[in-house]
Amino acid sequence: MATKSMATDLFREINNAVLDLQASQYQSYQRPLKALARLLQSPELTEVNAELIEGLDLDKFLGGQTPSEGLVGSDTLDWPEDPRETLGLTLQLIFRFAQKPEFLLTFGHHYYHSGSKLTDAIHSVVRQLLIPFVRDYKSYVGSRSDSGTHLMLAAAHNDTEARLAGAGSNKVFIVHGHDDDALHGLARFLEKLKLEPIVLREQPNQGRTIIEKYEDIAGEVGFAVVLLTPDDVGAAKTATEQNQRARQNVIFELGYFAGHLGRGRVCLLRKGNVEIPSDLYGVLYIDLDPAEGWKSKLVQEMKATKLDFDANRMFA
């Protein structure tokens, strides 16, 4: 049976591989992709994997899809109704991607393509397929009554400790794009409330990778504010006009902190008519209005999480 430290390390490395893959480019995506497949084939997960893929045929599944007559990227996958089969097929897909990395590009081009670049297909597959898979895979492992449960309990214990450590913190992480005015305005407002704004680029590297900095900082903060600012433009191939979008790293960091802190401890501040990704439909956000009404709304959200600060200081 795996020890708690082994379990925690395994799931942390799986998360790191997905994070690295999401941040990768065409020239660098193969390494984290192969690392993810290798980690998912760890001896501790052998029994779980065998159970998931039993009786499944990936080639038959892919061959049974009906191509649409629309544009590139408009094909949809007809997934099984059984969640276990969907997990198993996705697991097989990941192994296939690792064996033939170019297949990920072809697969993403047909089913998840959202732009004109190869990296768009990679990032769409990660965001829409791999991240949900890792989440559901962990839940499946945790539902088992054998050593798999031990693995998940250890990882859950680690996550809970991290959240509790940050719950009493007055540090607020700011996720941002290229709008420095919005970033500085938010940071100064938080300082006025005697909260400590944390900006990744202002933190010392200390020999750490970007992912390691995320992990360390996420364990220290009690809240995260995400600035959705119009830094990019983009659209589906079927669209006639391009939409204003936040940077991809902003959307990625939003998902990271929502998963680590919980959605209740993450607040979105939207500037202008920034497109909300379909993955985030239903998530509440606050508009950065010129009258600065966003400040009182943000204070309400932070107070609701029991963040310790004096709200009256906003009027000082």
Protein backbone atom coordinates (compact mmCIF):
# COMPACT_ATOMS: atom_id res chain seq x y z
CA MET A 1 0.00 0.00 0.00
CA ALA A 2 1.33 3.42 -0.91
CA THR A 3 2.31 5.83 1.79
CA LYS A 4 0.65 9.23 2.09
CA SER A 5 3.73 11.00 0.78
CA MET A 6 3.91 8.68 -2.23
CA ALA A 7 0.22 9.26 -2.98
CA THR A 8 0.50 12.99 -2.62
CA ASP A 9 3.57 13.09 -4.85
CA LEU A 10 1.86 10.99 -7.54
CA PHE A 11 -1.26 13.14 -7.85
CA ARG A 12 0.79 16.31 -7.57
CA GLU A 13 2.99 15.15 -10.45
CA ILE A 14 -0.09 14.30 -12.51
CA ASN A 15 -1.41 17.81 -11.91
CA ASN A 16 1.97 19.29 -12.76
CA ALA A 17 2.13 17.38 -16.04
CA VAL A 18 -1.27 18.77 -17.06
CA LEU A 19 -0.19 22.27 -16.04
CA ASP A 20 3.01 21.95 -18.06
CA LEU A 21 1.05 20.65 -21.05
CA GLN A 22 -1.39 23.55 -20.89
CA ALA A 23 1.52 26.01 -20.81
CA SER A 24 3.43 24.25 -23.61
CA GLN A 25 3.87 25.23 -27.25
CA TYR A 26 4.14 23.10 -30.38
CA GLN A 27 7.88 22.65 -29.85
CA SER A 28 7.52 21.49 -26.23
CA TYR A 29 4.19 19.67 -25.77
CA GLN A 30 5.54 16.13 -26.21
CA ARG A 31 7.54 16.01 -22.97
CA PRO A 32 4.68 16.81 -20.53
CA LEU A 33 2.32 14.64 -22.60
CA LYS A 34 4.58 11.61 -22.22
CA ALA A 35 5.12 12.43 -18.55
CA LEU A 36 1.36 12.43 -17.97
CA ALA A 37 0.97 9.02 -19.62
CA ARG A 38 3.89 7.61 -17.64
CA LEU A 39 2.43 8.83 -14.34
CA LEU A 40 -0.98 7.38 -15.17
CA GLN A 41 0.73 4.02 -15.71
CA SER A 42 2.25 4.04 -12.20
CA PRO A 43 2.08 0.66 -10.41
CA GLU A 44 -0.28 2.12 -7.78
CA LEU A 45 -2.87 2.70 -10.52
CA THR A 46 -2.51 -0.56 -12.45
CA GLU A 47 -5.59 -2.21 -10.97
CA VAL A 48 -7.74 0.90 -11.40
CA ASN A 49 -6.67 1.29 -15.03
CA ALA A 50 -7.33 -2.35 -15.85
CA GLU A 51 -10.84 -1.98 -14.45
CA LEU A 52 -11.49 1.17 -16.45
CA ILE A 53 -10.37 -0.10 -19.86
CA GLU A 54 -11.76 -3.63 -19.55
CA GLY A 55 -13.79 -4.48 -22.65
CA LEU A 56 -13.12 -1.15 -24.38
CA ASP A 57 -11.78 -0.75 -27.92
CA LEU A 58 -10.47 2.73 -28.66
CA ASP A 59 -10.11 2.14 -32.40
CA LYS A 60 -13.69 0.90 -32.63
CA PHE A 61 -14.88 3.95 -30.69
CA LEU A 62 -13.04 6.38 -32.96
CA GLY A 63 -14.05 4.52 -36.10
CA GLY A 64 -17.70 4.67 -35.06
CA GLN A 65 -17.81 8.46 -35.02
CA THR A 66 -19.82 10.15 -37.75
CA PRO A 67 -17.95 13.08 -39.32
CA SER A 68 -19.96 16.26 -39.64
CA GLU A 69 -20.24 18.16 -42.89
CA GLY A 70 -19.29 21.42 -41.20
CA LEU A 71 -15.99 23.20 -40.95
CA VAL A 72 -12.81 21.89 -39.37
CA GLY A 73 -13.16 21.47 -35.63
CA SER A 74 -16.94 21.08 -35.71
CA ASP A 75 -17.00 17.29 -35.27
CA THR A 76 -18.36 16.01 -31.97
CA LEU A 77 -17.58 12.79 -30.11
CA ASP A 78 -20.39 10.41 -29.25
CA TRP A 79 -19.22 9.40 -25.77
CA PRO A 80 -20.74 6.37 -23.99
CA GLU A 81 -23.43 7.03 -21.40
CA ASP A 82 -21.48 5.01 -18.82
CA PRO A 83 -19.03 7.40 -17.06
CA ARG A 84 -16.64 4.51 -16.42
CA GLU A 85 -16.40 3.79 -20.14
CA THR A 86 -15.80 7.46 -20.88
CA LEU A 87 -12.97 7.52 -18.35
CA GLY A 88 -11.49 4.35 -19.79
CA LEU A 89 -11.61 5.60 -23.37
CA THR A 90 -10.04 8.91 -22.37
CA LEU A 91 -7.31 7.03 -20.54
CA GLN A 92 -6.62 5.02 -23.69
CA LEU A 93 -6.58 8.25 -25.69
CA ILE A 94 -3.91 9.71 -23.42
CA PHE A 95 -1.78 6.61 -23.87
CA ARG A 96 -2.27 6.86 -27.65
CA PHE A 97 -1.34 10.55 -27.60
CA ALA A 98 1.88 9.70 -25.76
CA GLN A 99 2.76 6.95 -28.25
CA LYS A 100 1.93 9.14 -31.26
CA PRO A 101 2.07 12.81 -30.24
CA GLU A 102 1.06 13.95 -33.72
CA PHE A 103 -2.26 12.12 -33.20
CA LEU A 104 -3.13 14.64 -30.48
CA LEU A 105 -2.84 17.41 -33.07
CA THR A 106 -5.04 15.55 -35.55
CA PHE A 107 -7.57 14.65 -32.85
CA GLY A 108 -7.70 18.20 -31.52
CA HIS A 109 -7.95 19.59 -35.05
CA HIS A 110 -11.11 17.55 -35.68
CA TYR A 111 -12.88 17.68 -32.34
CA TYR A 112 -11.57 20.57 -30.24
CA HIS A 113 -9.99 23.03 -32.65
CA SER A 114 -10.64 26.68 -31.70
CA GLY A 115 -8.06 28.69 -33.64
CA SER A 116 -5.62 28.76 -36.51
CA LYS A 117 -2.52 27.58 -34.64
CA LEU A 118 -1.45 24.06 -33.74
CA THR A 119 -1.08 25.13 -30.11
CA ASP A 120 -4.76 26.12 -30.10
CA ALA A 121 -5.68 22.49 -30.70
CA ILE A 122 -3.30 21.32 -27.96
CA HIS A 123 -4.63 23.76 -25.39
CA SER A 124 -8.25 23.03 -26.28
CA VAL A 125 -7.73 19.30 -25.78
CA VAL A 126 -6.09 19.97 -22.41
CA ARG A 127 -8.80 22.37 -21.27
CA GLN A 128 -11.84 20.47 -22.52
CA LEU A 129 -10.71 16.84 -22.26
CA LEU A 130 -7.66 16.27 -20.06
CA ILE A 131 -8.42 18.60 -17.14
CA PRO A 132 -11.97 17.17 -16.67
CA PHE A 133 -10.52 13.67 -17.03
CA VAL A 134 -7.96 14.16 -14.24
CA ARG A 135 -10.68 15.53 -11.97
CA ASP A 136 -13.05 12.62 -12.65
CA TYR A 137 -10.22 10.08 -12.56
CA LYS A 138 -9.28 11.18 -9.05
CA SER A 139 -12.91 10.91 -7.98
CA TYR A 140 -13.11 7.41 -9.42
CA VAL A 141 -9.94 6.34 -7.62
CA GLY A 142 -11.33 7.82 -4.42
CA SER A 143 -14.58 5.86 -4.75
CA ARG A 144 -12.78 2.54 -4.54
CA SER A 145 -12.50 0.68 -1.24
CA ASP A 146 -8.94 -0.60 -1.73
CA SER A 147 -5.55 1.06 -1.85
CA GLY A 148 -6.92 3.49 -4.40
CA THR A 149 -8.99 5.03 -1.63
CA HIS A 150 -5.83 5.41 0.40
CA LEU A 151 -4.25 7.27 -2.48
CA MET A 152 -7.14 9.68 -2.80
CA LEU A 153 -7.55 10.23 0.92
CA ALA A 154 -3.89 11.15 1.16
CA ALA A 155 -4.21 13.63 -1.70
CA ALA A 156 -7.45 15.03 -0.29
CA HIS A 157 -5.83 15.38 3.12
CA ASN A 158 -3.01 17.36 1.57
CA ASP A 159 -5.41 19.64 -0.34
CA THR A 160 -7.53 20.21 2.75
CA GLU A 161 -4.50 21.18 4.81
CA ALA A 162 -3.46 23.65 2.11
CA ARG A 163 -6.91 25.22 2.02
CA LEU A 164 -7.08 25.50 5.79
CA ALA A 165 -3.64 27.09 5.83
CA GLY A 166 -4.81 29.74 3.39
CA ALA A 167 -8.23 30.26 4.98
CA GLY A 168 -6.86 32.54 7.70
CA SER A 169 -4.51 34.41 5.37
CA ASN A 170 -4.84 38.07 4.41
CA LYS A 171 -3.00 37.42 1.15
CA VAL A 172 -4.95 37.81 -2.10
CA PHE A 173 -3.53 36.42 -5.34
CA ILE A 174 -4.14 38.51 -8.47
CA VAL A 175 -4.45 36.70 -11.80
CA HIS A 176 -3.85 39.21 -14.58
CA GLY A 177 -3.07 39.71 -18.24
CA HIS A 178 -1.41 42.70 -19.91
CA ASP A 179 -3.55 45.49 -18.45
CA ASP A 180 -1.15 47.01 -15.94
CA ASP A 181 -3.53 49.85 -15.07
CA ALA A 182 -6.20 47.38 -13.94
CA LEU A 183 -3.59 45.35 -12.07
CA HIS A 184 -2.15 48.32 -10.21
CA GLY A 185 -5.59 49.75 -9.43
CA LEU A 186 -6.71 46.47 -7.90
CA ALA A 187 -3.46 46.00 -5.98
CA ARG A 188 -3.64 49.49 -4.48
CA PHE A 189 -7.27 48.94 -3.44
CA LEU A 190 -6.37 45.69 -1.68
CA GLU A 191 -3.50 47.43 0.11
CA LYS A 192 -5.93 50.13 1.24
CA LEU A 193 -7.94 47.37 2.94
CA LYS A 194 -4.73 46.16 4.61
CA LEU A 195 -4.77 43.01 2.50
CA GLU A 196 -1.58 41.78 0.85
CA PRO A 197 -1.85 41.52 -2.96
CA ILE A 198 0.28 38.72 -4.42
CA VAL A 199 1.41 39.02 -8.05
CA LEU A 200 3.33 36.06 -9.45
CA ARG A 201 5.89 38.05 -11.42
CA GLU A 202 6.80 40.05 -8.30
CA GLN A 203 7.66 36.93 -6.29
CA PRO A 204 11.29 35.71 -6.18
CA ASN A 205 11.98 32.59 -8.21
CA GLN A 206 14.34 30.98 -5.66
CA GLY A 207 15.25 28.36 -8.23
CA ARG A 208 11.62 27.28 -8.62
CA THR A 209 9.72 26.56 -11.82
CA ILE A 210 6.53 28.49 -12.60
CA ILE A 211 4.46 25.50 -11.50
CA GLU A 212 6.33 25.23 -8.21
CA LYS A 213 5.73 28.94 -7.58
CA TYR A 214 2.00 28.39 -8.17
CA GLU A 215 1.94 25.52 -5.71
CA ASP A 216 3.78 27.40 -2.98
CA ILE A 217 1.77 30.60 -3.37
CA ALA A 218 -1.59 28.82 -3.58
CA GLY A 219 -0.95 27.32 -0.16
CA GLU A 220 -0.44 30.78 1.35
CA VAL A 221 -3.31 32.86 -0.06
CA GLY A 222 -6.87 33.02 1.23
CA PHE A 223 -8.51 34.47 -1.88
CA ALA A 224 -7.85 35.05 -5.59
CA VAL A 225 -9.09 37.84 -7.87
CA VAL A 226 -9.02 37.21 -11.61
CA LEU A 227 -8.78 40.18 -13.98
CA LEU A 228 -10.51 39.33 -17.26
CA THR A 229 -9.20 42.11 -19.48
CA PRO A 230 -9.37 42.39 -23.31
CA ASP A 231 -5.76 41.51 -24.10
CA ASP A 232 -6.36 39.10 -27.01
CA VAL A 233 -8.84 38.63 -29.84
CA GLY A 234 -10.12 35.42 -31.37
CA ALA A 235 -13.10 33.58 -32.76
CA ALA A 236 -14.33 30.27 -34.09
CA LYS A 237 -13.75 29.63 -37.79
CA THR A 238 -17.49 29.99 -38.43
CA ALA A 239 -17.59 33.48 -36.88
CA THR A 240 -17.46 36.63 -39.01
CA GLU A 241 -16.04 38.87 -36.29
CA GLN A 242 -13.37 38.40 -33.66
CA ASN A 243 -14.17 38.70 -29.97
CA GLN A 244 -12.17 40.30 -27.20
CA ARG A 245 -10.62 37.65 -24.98
CA ALA A 246 -8.52 37.35 -21.87
CA ARG A 247 -5.06 35.83 -22.15
CA GLN A 248 -4.94 32.03 -22.10
CA ASN A 249 -2.76 32.06 -19.00
CA VAL A 250 -5.51 34.01 -17.19
CA ILE A 251 -8.12 31.35 -17.97
CA PHE A 252 -5.69 28.62 -16.97
CA GLU A 253 -4.78 30.27 -13.65
CA LEU A 254 -8.47 30.85 -12.96
CA GLY A 255 -9.08 27.11 -13.21
CA TYR A 256 -6.04 26.34 -11.08
CA PHE A 257 -7.04 28.57 -8.18
CA ALA A 258 -10.73 27.67 -8.42
CA GLY A 259 -9.70 24.03 -8.02
CA HIS A 260 -7.28 24.72 -5.18
CA LEU A 261 -9.15 27.35 -3.15
CA GLY A 262 -12.68 26.46 -4.16
CA ARG A 263 -14.87 28.60 -6.44
CA GLY A 264 -16.19 30.56 -3.46
CA ARG A 265 -12.73 32.01 -2.86
CA VAL A 266 -12.19 33.17 -6.43
CA CYS A 267 -13.75 36.35 -7.86
CA LEU A 268 -13.75 37.42 -11.51
CA LEU A 269 -13.44 41.10 -12.43
CA ARG A 270 -14.41 41.67 -16.06
CA LYS A 271 -13.28 44.74 -17.99
CA GLY A 272 -15.18 45.72 -21.10
CA ASN A 273 -16.90 43.23 -23.35
CA VAL A 274 -14.49 40.35 -22.78
CA GLU A 275 -15.78 37.02 -24.04
CA ILE A 276 -16.55 34.54 -21.26
CA PRO A 277 -15.25 31.06 -22.27
CA SER A 278 -17.98 28.45 -22.59
CA ASP A 279 -16.24 26.48 -19.82
CA LEU A 280 -17.14 29.36 -17.45
CA TYR A 281 -20.80 29.84 -18.36
CA GLY A 282 -22.76 30.22 -15.14
CA VAL A 283 -19.77 31.54 -13.17
CA LEU A 284 -20.58 34.93 -11.63
CA TYR A 285 -18.37 37.91 -12.35
CA ILE A 286 -18.18 41.61 -11.45
CA ASP A 287 -17.85 44.31 -14.10
CA LEU A 288 -15.02 46.81 -13.67
CA ASP A 289 -17.30 49.82 -14.06
CA PRO A 290 -15.97 53.41 -14.36
CA ALA A 291 -17.96 54.42 -11.25
CA GLU A 292 -15.94 51.84 -9.27
CA GLY A 293 -18.99 50.05 -7.96
CA TRP A 294 -16.92 46.89 -8.34
CA LYS A 295 -15.05 47.77 -5.15
CA SER A 296 -18.01 47.33 -2.81
CA LYS A 297 -19.06 44.15 -4.61
CA LEU A 298 -15.58 42.69 -4.30
CA VAL A 299 -15.53 43.57 -0.60
CA GLN A 300 -18.82 41.68 -0.17
CA GLU A 301 -17.39 38.60 -1.88
CA MET A 302 -14.24 38.62 0.25
CA LYS A 303 -16.21 39.18 3.46
CA ALA A 304 -18.44 36.22 2.59
CA THR A 305 -15.37 33.96 2.79
CA LYS A 306 -14.50 35.29 6.28
CA LEU A 307 -11.37 37.01 4.98
CA ASP A 308 -10.09 39.11 7.89
CA PHE A 309 -10.00 42.83 7.00
CA ASP A 310 -11.74 46.10 7.85
CA ALA A 311 -14.23 46.86 5.07
CA ASN A 312 -14.68 50.41 6.36
CA ARG A 313 -11.19 51.25 5.13
CA MET A 314 -12.53 51.45 1.57
CA PHE A 315 -14.13 54.77 2.57
CA ALA A 316 -10.99 56.14 4.22
